[in-house]
Structure formats: C-alpha cells, structure tokens
Amino acid sequence: MRILIAVAAVVACAACGTESQAGGIPEYSYEVVQSYPHDPQAYTQGLFYMNGIMYESTGLYGESSIRKVRLETGEVLQKRDIPEQYFGEGIINWKDQLLELTWKSEKGFIYDLNNFSLERDFQYPGEGWGLTSDGKRIIMSDGSADLRFWDPETLREIGRVTVSDDTGPVRRLNELEWIKGEVYANVYQTDRIARINPSSGKVVGWIDLTGILSPADRVRQVDVLNGIAYDAKTDRLFVTGKLWPKLFQIRLVKKSVVGQ
C-alpha cells in the first residue's frame, strides 16, 4: 500500500513466517497455471473477478482509477479516474454497486456497477486499505492487524477481529478476497498471503509467492505483491502486484511442516 519500504518490518515478518511454519500452521507454495498481461502502469489496490470480467482499482495521488479489464488480454474495457486529491484503495461489489475506499481521506465512494457513475460517497474512521465480502457482510482492512465487519446496507461497523498467528498479531493486512469461507489477505511489503478464519482471526495457512514475478519481468520499476481475485464458478485463483506486467492464475501446493 505505501510506497516507502520498511526494511525492519519486512525482516521481522519473514522471521515470523519461519516460526509460524514450525508452530504447525500449514504453508503453501504455488504452481503457475497461466499468466496474463497486466497494465504495468496500474498500481493495484483492489481486485475481484465477476461474470468474466476483472474489476481493478488503482492508487497513487493523481493516478487512481477504477476499471473493468478483460482477463485474457489485459485490455481496459472501462475506466473512471478518481479525483486527484484521493488515493484509491480497495473495491468490492454489493448488489448492483461498486464500493471503493480511499487511503487517508476517511471517505469512500459508491458507483453504479454497470456504468461507473458516482452515486454517493460515505465516511468511515481511519485509513482504508482492502475490501471483500462474505455475502452477508463487507470486510475491510485498514493496515493494522484488524479486520472490520460492516453492515452492507448502512456501511456501519458491526464487529471486528484481530488477525494473529503463532507469533502474535499479523499487521499490515492489505488487499482481501473471500475464498471458501476464509479471508485471503496480502500482507503489505511481503510475498505472503494469509489465509484467515474470519470468526477467530486465526491464520490457518500461509501462502508464499516468492519468485512468482521473474527477474525478466522486473527490468522496469515494479512494486509489491498486491491483488487477489477468485473465480468461484471455475475455482480459479488469481494474483498480481502493483505495477506488475503480469497477472497469474495459480494453484496452491502444500509444503511439508517443519518437524513432521
């Protein structure tokens, strides 16, 4: 989410990952099933797949947008730019609307899902990072270790849970996706995705995507892993990153747990 890299925090998180595996939390690597073109100018903040279309939001002041993208070609089919004073963040659909967060403005926007016309804005306290939904509630991340739960009709908070693994709270939760009863969350500035039990907040699995973007694809400036989408109809999992030239369909491969 943020542009500057906190080296000490990344090192600390990497150490946590080793301890988590030793503590018995399952870890997964990946196989790339297919790669697709992705706009290398897109600073990806939110991502979801619905009815054959990839919906994406991008960030940075003066460059934020929401868009519909053709998965197979990366073609931007529809795009709406966000006013330059806002740093765009996560998105989610609810019924026939698209909801979008902004980073520090404590303001979100609601658009018509079909034509992206702005219907209204709304307020929330604190920073906005990621969004997803379990079909009954909207789930939000704010850069901390907390997931907030919102009533989708009023957009009022109705609960929250702190996410933790064997070593303690898992902070800097970023882009979110609801997959088979779990929340998948990018952890900012790492190559890892946490699989979270939404009731307890416990991490029930770690996904390690180290090396998914090849050195050849890093010849221009790229940023961190961010963006998870799931096609429930065909059980396809997609990931990408900020300013990445590719989006990947992956299959998870379970690692053996240390000590087993």
Protein backbone atom coordinates (compact mmCIF):
# COMPACT_ATOMS: atom_id res chain seq x y z
CA MET A 1 0.00 0.00 0.00
CA ARG A 2 2.51 2.59 0.97
CA ILE A 3 5.43 3.41 -1.29
CA LEU A 4 8.33 3.53 1.17
CA ILE A 5 9.71 0.16 2.27
CA ALA A 6 10.07 -0.50 5.98
CA VAL A 7 13.01 -2.89 5.89
CA ALA A 8 12.98 -3.75 9.57
CA ALA A 9 9.30 -4.66 9.46
CA VAL A 10 9.80 -6.91 6.45
CA VAL A 11 12.67 -8.73 8.14
CA ALA A 12 10.58 -9.18 11.26
CA CYS A 13 7.68 -10.57 9.25
CA ALA A 14 9.98 -13.01 7.45
CA ALA A 15 11.14 -14.32 10.81
CA CYS A 16 7.51 -14.69 11.89
CA GLY A 17 6.86 -16.82 8.84
CA THR A 18 9.53 -19.33 9.80
CA GLU A 19 8.18 -19.60 13.32
CA SER A 20 4.61 -19.98 12.04
CA GLN A 21 5.57 -22.97 9.93
CA ALA A 22 7.44 -24.54 12.81
CA GLY A 23 4.40 -23.92 15.01
CA GLY A 24 2.25 -26.01 12.74
CA ILE A 25 0.36 -23.51 10.56
CA PRO A 26 0.24 -25.03 7.07
CA GLU A 27 2.31 -23.30 4.41
CA TYR A 28 1.73 -23.35 0.68
CA SER A 29 3.83 -22.60 -2.35
CA TYR A 30 2.34 -22.32 -5.84
CA GLU A 31 2.25 -23.52 -9.41
CA VAL A 32 1.56 -21.01 -12.16
CA VAL A 33 -1.32 -22.32 -14.24
CA GLN A 34 -1.50 -19.37 -16.62
CA SER A 35 -0.13 -15.86 -16.90
CA TYR A 36 -1.99 -12.93 -18.42
CA PRO A 37 -0.99 -9.40 -19.44
CA HIS A 38 -1.44 -6.74 -16.77
CA ASP A 39 -1.16 -2.99 -17.17
CA PRO A 40 2.33 -2.09 -15.88
CA GLN A 41 1.06 1.40 -15.06
CA ALA A 42 -1.62 0.04 -12.71
CA TYR A 43 -0.73 0.50 -9.04
CA THR A 44 -3.10 -2.26 -7.99
CA GLN A 45 -5.09 -1.68 -4.81
CA GLY A 46 -8.24 -3.75 -5.24
CA LEU A 47 -9.10 -6.75 -7.43
CA PHE A 48 -12.04 -9.09 -7.93
CA TYR A 49 -13.41 -11.28 -10.73
CA MET A 50 -17.08 -11.45 -11.65
CA ASN A 51 -19.03 -12.62 -14.69
CA GLY A 52 -15.98 -12.94 -16.91
CA ILE A 53 -14.55 -9.51 -16.05
CA MET A 54 -11.69 -8.49 -13.78
CA TYR A 55 -12.50 -5.41 -11.71
CA GLU A 56 -9.48 -3.45 -10.51
CA SER A 57 -8.80 -0.28 -8.56
CA THR A 58 -5.52 1.59 -8.71
CA GLY A 59 -3.85 4.03 -6.34
CA LEU A 60 -1.42 6.96 -6.15
CA TYR A 61 -2.48 10.58 -5.98
CA GLY A 62 -3.44 11.85 -9.42
CA GLU A 63 -3.39 8.34 -10.91
CA SER A 64 -6.14 6.47 -9.05
CA SER A 65 -8.92 4.77 -11.01
CA ILE A 66 -11.48 2.01 -11.10
CA ARG A 67 -11.62 -0.18 -14.18
CA LYS A 68 -13.01 -3.25 -15.88
CA VAL A 69 -10.38 -5.41 -17.54
CA ARG A 70 -10.52 -8.28 -19.99
CA LEU A 71 -8.59 -11.05 -18.25
CA GLU A 72 -7.24 -12.76 -21.35
CA THR A 73 -5.68 -9.67 -22.94
CA GLY A 74 -5.33 -7.14 -20.12
CA GLU A 75 -7.40 -4.69 -22.18
CA VAL A 76 -9.04 -1.97 -20.10
CA LEU A 77 -12.69 -2.09 -21.14
CA GLN A 78 -13.97 0.70 -18.93
CA LYS A 79 -12.23 3.18 -16.65
CA ARG A 80 -13.14 6.00 -14.32
CA ASP A 81 -10.46 8.25 -12.88
CA ILE A 82 -10.68 9.31 -9.23
CA PRO A 83 -10.22 12.98 -8.27
CA GLU A 84 -6.54 13.69 -7.78
CA GLN A 85 -6.85 14.54 -4.10
CA TYR A 86 -7.79 10.92 -3.32
CA PHE A 87 -5.53 7.87 -3.16
CA GLY A 88 -7.71 4.98 -4.37
CA GLU A 89 -7.79 1.75 -2.37
CA GLY A 90 -9.81 -1.47 -2.19
CA ILE A 91 -13.07 -2.23 -4.01
CA ILE A 92 -15.93 -4.71 -3.70
CA ASN A 93 -19.28 -5.19 -5.38
CA TRP A 94 -22.51 -5.23 -3.42
CA LYS A 95 -25.65 -5.96 -5.45
CA ASP A 96 -25.53 -3.55 -8.39
CA GLN A 97 -22.99 -1.20 -6.82
CA LEU A 98 -19.22 -0.90 -6.60
CA LEU A 99 -17.75 0.37 -3.31
CA GLU A 100 -14.30 1.95 -3.15
CA LEU A 101 -12.12 3.04 -0.24
CA THR A 102 -9.52 5.79 -0.16
CA TRP A 103 -6.33 5.72 1.89
CA LYS A 104 -6.27 8.63 4.34
CA SER A 105 -9.31 10.71 3.40
CA GLU A 106 -11.77 8.68 5.53
CA LYS A 107 -14.09 8.75 2.55
CA GLY A 108 -15.39 6.04 0.26
CA PHE A 109 -17.34 6.14 -2.99
CA ILE A 110 -20.28 4.14 -4.28
CA TYR A 111 -20.66 3.72 -8.04
CA ASP A 112 -23.13 2.06 -10.33
CA LEU A 113 -21.51 -1.29 -11.09
CA ASN A 114 -22.54 -1.19 -14.74
CA ASN A 115 -21.57 2.29 -15.90
CA PHE A 116 -19.34 3.53 -13.01
CA SER A 117 -21.47 6.62 -12.47
CA LEU A 118 -20.94 8.06 -8.99
CA GLU A 119 -23.99 7.57 -6.76
CA ARG A 120 -22.73 8.92 -3.46
CA ASP A 121 -19.87 8.99 -1.01
CA PHE A 122 -19.67 7.75 2.58
CA GLN A 123 -17.47 8.23 5.64
CA TYR A 124 -15.54 5.83 7.86
CA PRO A 125 -12.90 6.38 10.57
CA GLY A 126 -9.21 5.72 9.93
CA GLU A 127 -7.36 4.51 6.87
CA GLY A 128 -8.90 2.42 4.12
CA TRP A 129 -6.91 -0.47 2.59
CA GLY A 130 -8.76 -3.57 1.39
CA LEU A 131 -12.35 -4.79 0.89
CA THR A 132 -14.12 -8.10 0.38
CA SER A 133 -17.47 -9.66 1.30
CA ASP A 134 -18.74 -12.96 2.69
CA GLY A 135 -22.10 -12.40 1.05
CA LYS A 136 -23.65 -11.02 4.25
CA ARG A 137 -21.10 -8.50 5.48
CA ILE A 138 -18.46 -6.28 3.95
CA ILE A 139 -14.99 -6.96 5.34
CA MET A 140 -12.41 -4.18 5.47
CA SER A 141 -8.70 -3.89 6.27
CA ASP A 142 -7.07 -0.69 7.47
CA GLY A 143 -3.34 -1.53 7.53
CA SER A 144 -3.43 -2.84 11.07
CA ALA A 145 -3.97 -6.43 12.27
CA ASP A 146 -7.73 -5.89 12.41
CA LEU A 147 -10.48 -6.88 10.02
CA ARG A 148 -13.59 -4.74 10.34
CA PHE A 149 -17.06 -6.06 9.51
CA TRP A 150 -19.64 -3.69 8.07
CA ASP A 151 -23.37 -3.90 7.55
CA PRO A 152 -23.54 -3.68 3.72
CA GLU A 153 -26.69 -1.56 3.74
CA THR A 154 -25.68 1.05 6.33
CA LEU A 155 -21.86 0.72 6.00
CA ARG A 156 -21.67 0.87 9.78
CA GLU A 157 -19.17 -1.27 11.65
CA ILE A 158 -20.84 -4.23 13.35
CA GLY A 159 -17.73 -6.01 14.60
CA ARG A 160 -14.06 -6.63 14.16
CA VAL A 161 -11.46 -9.32 14.77
CA THR A 162 -7.69 -9.15 15.29
CA VAL A 163 -5.72 -11.43 12.99
CA SER A 164 -2.89 -13.42 14.57
CA ASP A 165 -0.66 -16.43 14.02
CA ASP A 166 1.52 -18.35 16.47
CA THR A 167 3.78 -15.33 16.97
CA GLY A 168 1.15 -12.67 17.57
CA PRO A 169 -0.84 -10.10 15.56
CA VAL A 170 -0.35 -10.04 11.80
CA ARG A 171 -0.19 -6.38 10.85
CA ARG A 172 -0.34 -4.54 7.52
CA LEU A 173 -3.21 -6.60 6.14
CA ASN A 174 -3.87 -5.25 2.69
CA GLU A 175 -5.95 -6.45 -0.28
CA LEU A 176 -8.59 -9.04 0.64
CA GLU A 177 -10.55 -11.85 -1.02
CA TRP A 178 -13.24 -14.19 0.32
CA ILE A 179 -12.49 -17.78 -0.73
CA LYS A 180 -14.38 -20.84 0.51
CA GLY A 181 -15.15 -19.45 3.95
CA GLU A 182 -11.74 -17.85 4.53
CA VAL A 183 -10.35 -14.36 4.07
CA TYR A 184 -7.19 -14.30 1.96
CA ALA A 185 -5.11 -11.21 2.73
CA ASN A 186 -1.98 -9.78 1.19
CA VAL A 187 0.49 -8.71 3.89
CA TYR A 188 1.95 -5.44 2.69
CA GLN A 189 5.62 -5.45 1.61
CA THR A 190 5.87 -9.24 1.68
CA ASP A 191 5.37 -12.05 -0.84
CA ARG A 192 2.95 -13.77 1.52
CA ILE A 193 -0.81 -14.19 1.69
CA ALA A 194 -2.51 -15.05 4.97
CA ARG A 195 -5.48 -17.42 4.99
CA ILE A 196 -7.66 -16.24 7.87
CA ASN A 197 -10.52 -17.77 9.82
CA PRO A 198 -12.93 -14.82 9.90
CA SER A 199 -14.59 -15.90 13.14
CA SER A 200 -11.48 -16.23 15.28
CA GLY A 201 -8.99 -14.13 13.32
CA LYS A 202 -6.51 -17.03 13.43
CA VAL A 203 -4.22 -17.56 10.45
CA VAL A 204 -4.96 -21.07 9.19
CA GLY A 205 -2.44 -21.03 6.36
CA TRP A 206 0.38 -19.05 4.78
CA ILE A 207 0.92 -18.79 1.02
CA ASP A 208 4.47 -18.00 -0.09
CA LEU A 209 4.63 -16.43 -3.56
CA THR A 210 8.35 -15.70 -3.56
CA GLY A 211 9.74 -15.61 -7.09
CA ILE A 212 6.41 -15.55 -8.93
CA LEU A 213 7.45 -12.45 -10.85
CA SER A 214 10.61 -13.38 -12.75
CA PRO A 215 13.75 -11.23 -12.95
CA ALA A 216 12.98 -10.67 -16.63
CA ASP A 217 9.70 -9.04 -15.65
CA ARG A 218 11.47 -6.77 -13.17
CA VAL A 219 13.52 -4.88 -15.75
CA ARG A 220 11.30 -1.84 -15.23
CA GLN A 221 10.13 -0.43 -11.92
CA VAL A 222 7.70 -2.76 -10.15
CA ASP A 223 6.28 -2.64 -6.66
CA VAL A 224 5.00 -5.22 -4.20
CA LEU A 225 2.64 -8.17 -4.48
CA ASN A 226 -0.94 -6.95 -4.08
CA GLY A 227 -4.16 -8.18 -5.59
CA ILE A 228 -6.11 -11.42 -5.08
CA ALA A 229 -9.14 -12.48 -7.11
CA TYR A 230 -11.16 -15.68 -7.17
CA ASP A 231 -13.46 -17.14 -9.81
CA ALA A 232 -15.80 -19.29 -7.73
CA LYS A 233 -17.53 -20.79 -10.77
CA THR A 234 -14.35 -22.42 -12.08
CA ASP A 235 -12.28 -22.45 -8.86
CA ARG A 236 -9.54 -20.22 -10.27
CA LEU A 237 -7.24 -18.14 -8.05
CA PHE A 238 -5.52 -15.04 -9.45
CA VAL A 239 -2.77 -12.81 -8.05
CA THR A 240 -0.84 -9.78 -9.25
CA GLY A 241 1.10 -6.80 -7.90
CA LYS A 242 1.48 -3.06 -8.10
CA LEU A 243 2.93 -2.01 -11.47
CA TRP A 244 3.38 -5.67 -12.44
CA PRO A 245 3.29 -6.52 -16.16
CA LYS A 246 1.58 -9.86 -15.48
CA LEU A 247 -1.36 -11.33 -13.59
CA PHE A 248 -1.15 -15.01 -12.65
CA GLN A 249 -3.59 -17.85 -12.21
CA ILE A 250 -2.07 -20.13 -9.59
CA ARG A 251 -2.65 -23.46 -7.92
CA LEU A 252 -1.63 -23.87 -4.28
CA VAL A 253 0.87 -26.59 -3.34
CA LYS A 254 1.08 -27.53 0.33
CA LYS A 255 4.54 -27.55 1.86
CA SER A 256 5.58 -30.06 4.50
CA VAL A 257 5.54 -28.67 8.05
CA VAL A 258 8.88 -28.46 9.85
CA GLY A 259 9.16 -31.28 12.40
CA GLN A 260 6.75 -33.62 10.66
